[in-house]
Amino acid sequence: MAFWFNVATGQVENDDTRGMDSDVMGPYDTEEEASRALQTAAEKTKAWDEADRRWEEGED
């Protein structure tokens, strides 16, 4: 079963309770992973921004 994080409600959902596509992030393998969806997204965005900065400055 997949888990989803609903950004509208702030709740973890499963396939049976999942909200609209535009409201959910996922799928995630575990409820715990889904509960950290916003943190994971922020960490990935920060890493991608840093990679872009290095590329634009010719460091990579």
N, C-alpha and C. Protein backbone atom coordinates (compact mmCIF):
# COMPACT_ATOMS: atom_id res chain seq x y z
N MET A 1 0.84 -1.18 0.00
CA MET A 1 0.00 0.00 0.00
C MET A 1 0.89 1.24 0.00
N ALA A 2 0.50 2.22 -0.76
CA ALA A 2 1.22 3.48 -0.83
C ALA A 2 0.64 4.48 0.16
N PHE A 3 1.49 5.43 0.56
CA PHE A 3 1.07 6.50 1.46
C PHE A 3 1.31 7.84 0.78
N TRP A 4 0.52 8.81 1.15
CA TRP A 4 0.54 10.13 0.53
C TRP A 4 0.48 11.18 1.62
N PHE A 5 1.06 12.37 1.36
CA PHE A 5 0.92 13.49 2.29
C PHE A 5 0.00 14.51 1.64
N ASN A 6 -1.07 14.82 2.32
CA ASN A 6 -2.05 15.79 1.81
C ASN A 6 -1.66 17.18 2.29
N VAL A 7 -1.24 18.04 1.37
CA VAL A 7 -0.79 19.38 1.75
C VAL A 7 -1.95 20.28 2.17
N ALA A 8 -3.15 19.97 1.77
CA ALA A 8 -4.31 20.76 2.17
C ALA A 8 -4.72 20.50 3.60
N THR A 9 -4.59 19.25 4.04
CA THR A 9 -5.01 18.89 5.39
C THR A 9 -3.85 18.68 6.35
N GLY A 10 -2.64 18.47 5.80
CA GLY A 10 -1.48 18.19 6.64
C GLY A 10 -1.49 16.77 7.20
N GLN A 11 -2.26 15.89 6.58
CA GLN A 11 -2.40 14.52 7.07
C GLN A 11 -1.81 13.52 6.10
N VAL A 12 -1.35 12.40 6.64
CA VAL A 12 -0.90 11.27 5.84
C VAL A 12 -2.14 10.46 5.47
N GLU A 13 -2.19 10.05 4.21
CA GLU A 13 -3.32 9.27 3.72
C GLU A 13 -2.78 8.00 3.05
N ASN A 14 -3.66 7.04 2.86
CA ASN A 14 -3.29 5.84 2.12
C ASN A 14 -4.09 5.80 0.83
N ASP A 15 -3.92 4.75 0.06
CA ASP A 15 -4.63 4.66 -1.22
C ASP A 15 -6.14 4.75 -1.05
N ASP A 16 -6.66 4.24 0.05
CA ASP A 16 -8.10 4.23 0.27
C ASP A 16 -8.66 5.60 0.69
N THR A 17 -7.82 6.44 1.31
CA THR A 17 -8.31 7.72 1.83
C THR A 17 -7.71 8.91 1.10
N ARG A 18 -6.98 8.65 0.06
CA ARG A 18 -6.23 9.68 -0.67
C ARG A 18 -7.14 10.77 -1.23
N GLY A 19 -6.68 12.02 -1.06
CA GLY A 19 -7.40 13.16 -1.59
C GLY A 19 -7.10 13.38 -3.07
N MET A 20 -7.49 14.53 -3.56
CA MET A 20 -7.30 14.88 -4.97
C MET A 20 -5.82 14.94 -5.32
N ASP A 21 -5.49 14.63 -6.58
CA ASP A 21 -4.10 14.63 -7.03
C ASP A 21 -3.38 15.94 -6.73
N SER A 22 -4.07 17.05 -6.90
CA SER A 22 -3.42 18.35 -6.71
C SER A 22 -3.11 18.64 -5.25
N ASP A 23 -3.65 17.87 -4.33
CA ASP A 23 -3.45 18.09 -2.90
C ASP A 23 -2.43 17.16 -2.26
N VAL A 24 -1.96 16.14 -3.00
CA VAL A 24 -1.12 15.14 -2.35
C VAL A 24 0.28 15.07 -2.94
N MET A 25 1.22 14.70 -2.08
CA MET A 25 2.60 14.42 -2.48
C MET A 25 2.82 12.94 -2.26
N GLY A 26 3.50 12.31 -3.18
CA GLY A 26 3.78 10.90 -3.04
C GLY A 26 3.70 10.21 -4.37
N PRO A 27 3.75 8.93 -4.37
CA PRO A 27 3.57 8.01 -3.25
C PRO A 27 4.85 7.76 -2.47
N TYR A 28 4.67 7.35 -1.23
CA TYR A 28 5.76 6.96 -0.34
C TYR A 28 5.52 5.53 0.11
N ASP A 29 6.60 4.84 0.42
CA ASP A 29 6.50 3.43 0.84
C ASP A 29 5.97 3.26 2.25
N THR A 30 6.25 4.25 3.11
CA THR A 30 5.83 4.12 4.51
C THR A 30 5.09 5.38 4.95
N GLU A 31 4.32 5.22 6.01
CA GLU A 31 3.61 6.35 6.60
C GLU A 31 4.60 7.39 7.12
N GLU A 32 5.71 6.91 7.68
CA GLU A 32 6.73 7.81 8.21
C GLU A 32 7.34 8.67 7.10
N GLU A 33 7.67 8.04 5.97
CA GLU A 33 8.21 8.81 4.84
C GLU A 33 7.22 9.87 4.38
N ALA A 34 5.96 9.50 4.30
CA ALA A 34 4.93 10.46 3.88
C ALA A 34 4.81 11.61 4.86
N SER A 35 4.95 11.33 6.15
CA SER A 35 4.83 12.39 7.16
C SER A 35 5.96 13.41 7.05
N ARG A 36 7.08 13.01 6.43
CA ARG A 36 8.22 13.91 6.26
C ARG A 36 8.29 14.51 4.85
N ALA A 37 7.21 14.45 4.11
CA ALA A 37 7.20 14.87 2.70
C ALA A 37 7.67 16.32 2.52
N LEU A 38 7.18 17.23 3.32
CA LEU A 38 7.57 18.63 3.17
C LEU A 38 9.04 18.84 3.50
N GLN A 39 9.52 18.19 4.53
CA GLN A 39 10.94 18.29 4.90
C GLN A 39 11.82 17.72 3.80
N THR A 40 11.44 16.57 3.27
CA THR A 40 12.20 15.94 2.19
C THR A 40 12.23 16.84 0.96
N ALA A 41 11.09 17.42 0.61
CA ALA A 41 11.02 18.32 -0.54
C ALA A 41 11.92 19.54 -0.34
N ALA A 42 11.91 20.10 0.86
CA ALA A 42 12.75 21.27 1.14
C ALA A 42 14.23 20.92 1.04
N GLU A 43 14.61 19.76 1.55
CA GLU A 43 16.02 19.33 1.48
C GLU A 43 16.46 19.12 0.03
N LYS A 44 15.59 18.50 -0.77
CA LYS A 44 15.93 18.27 -2.18
C LYS A 44 16.02 19.58 -2.94
N THR A 45 15.12 20.51 -2.67
CA THR A 45 15.15 21.81 -3.33
C THR A 45 16.43 22.56 -3.00
N LYS A 46 16.84 22.52 -1.74
CA LYS A 46 18.08 23.18 -1.33
C LYS A 46 19.28 22.58 -2.06
N ALA A 47 19.32 21.25 -2.15
CA ALA A 47 20.42 20.59 -2.85
C ALA A 47 20.42 20.92 -4.33
N TRP A 48 19.26 20.95 -4.96
CA TRP A 48 19.18 21.29 -6.38
C TRP A 48 19.58 22.74 -6.62
N ASP A 49 19.17 23.63 -5.73
CA ASP A 49 19.55 25.05 -5.86
C ASP A 49 21.06 25.20 -5.76
N GLU A 50 21.68 24.46 -4.85
CA GLU A 50 23.13 24.53 -4.70
C GLU A 50 23.82 23.96 -5.93
N ALA A 51 23.31 22.88 -6.47
CA ALA A 51 23.89 22.29 -7.69
C ALA A 51 23.75 23.27 -8.86
N ASP A 52 22.62 23.94 -8.97
CA ASP A 52 22.43 24.94 -10.02
C ASP A 52 23.43 26.09 -9.86
N ARG A 53 23.62 26.54 -8.62
CA ARG A 53 24.55 27.64 -8.37
C ARG A 53 25.96 27.24 -8.80
N ARG A 54 26.38 26.03 -8.40
CA ARG A 54 27.72 25.57 -8.77
C ARG A 54 27.87 25.45 -10.28
N TRP A 55 26.85 24.94 -10.95
CA TRP A 55 26.90 24.78 -12.40
C TRP A 55 26.99 26.16 -13.08
N GLU A 56 26.17 27.11 -12.63
CA GLU A 56 26.17 28.44 -13.22
C GLU A 56 27.49 29.17 -13.00
N GLU A 57 28.18 28.87 -11.90
CA GLU A 57 29.45 29.50 -11.61
C GLU A 57 30.64 28.69 -12.14
N GLY A 58 30.33 27.61 -12.87
CA GLY A 58 31.36 26.81 -13.50
C GLY A 58 32.16 25.95 -12.54
N GLU A 59 31.59 25.63 -11.40
CA GLU A 59 32.30 24.82 -10.41
C GLU A 59 32.15 23.33 -10.69
N ASP A 60 31.21 22.94 -11.50
CA ASP A 60 31.00 21.51 -11.81
C ASP A 60 31.33 21.24 -13.25
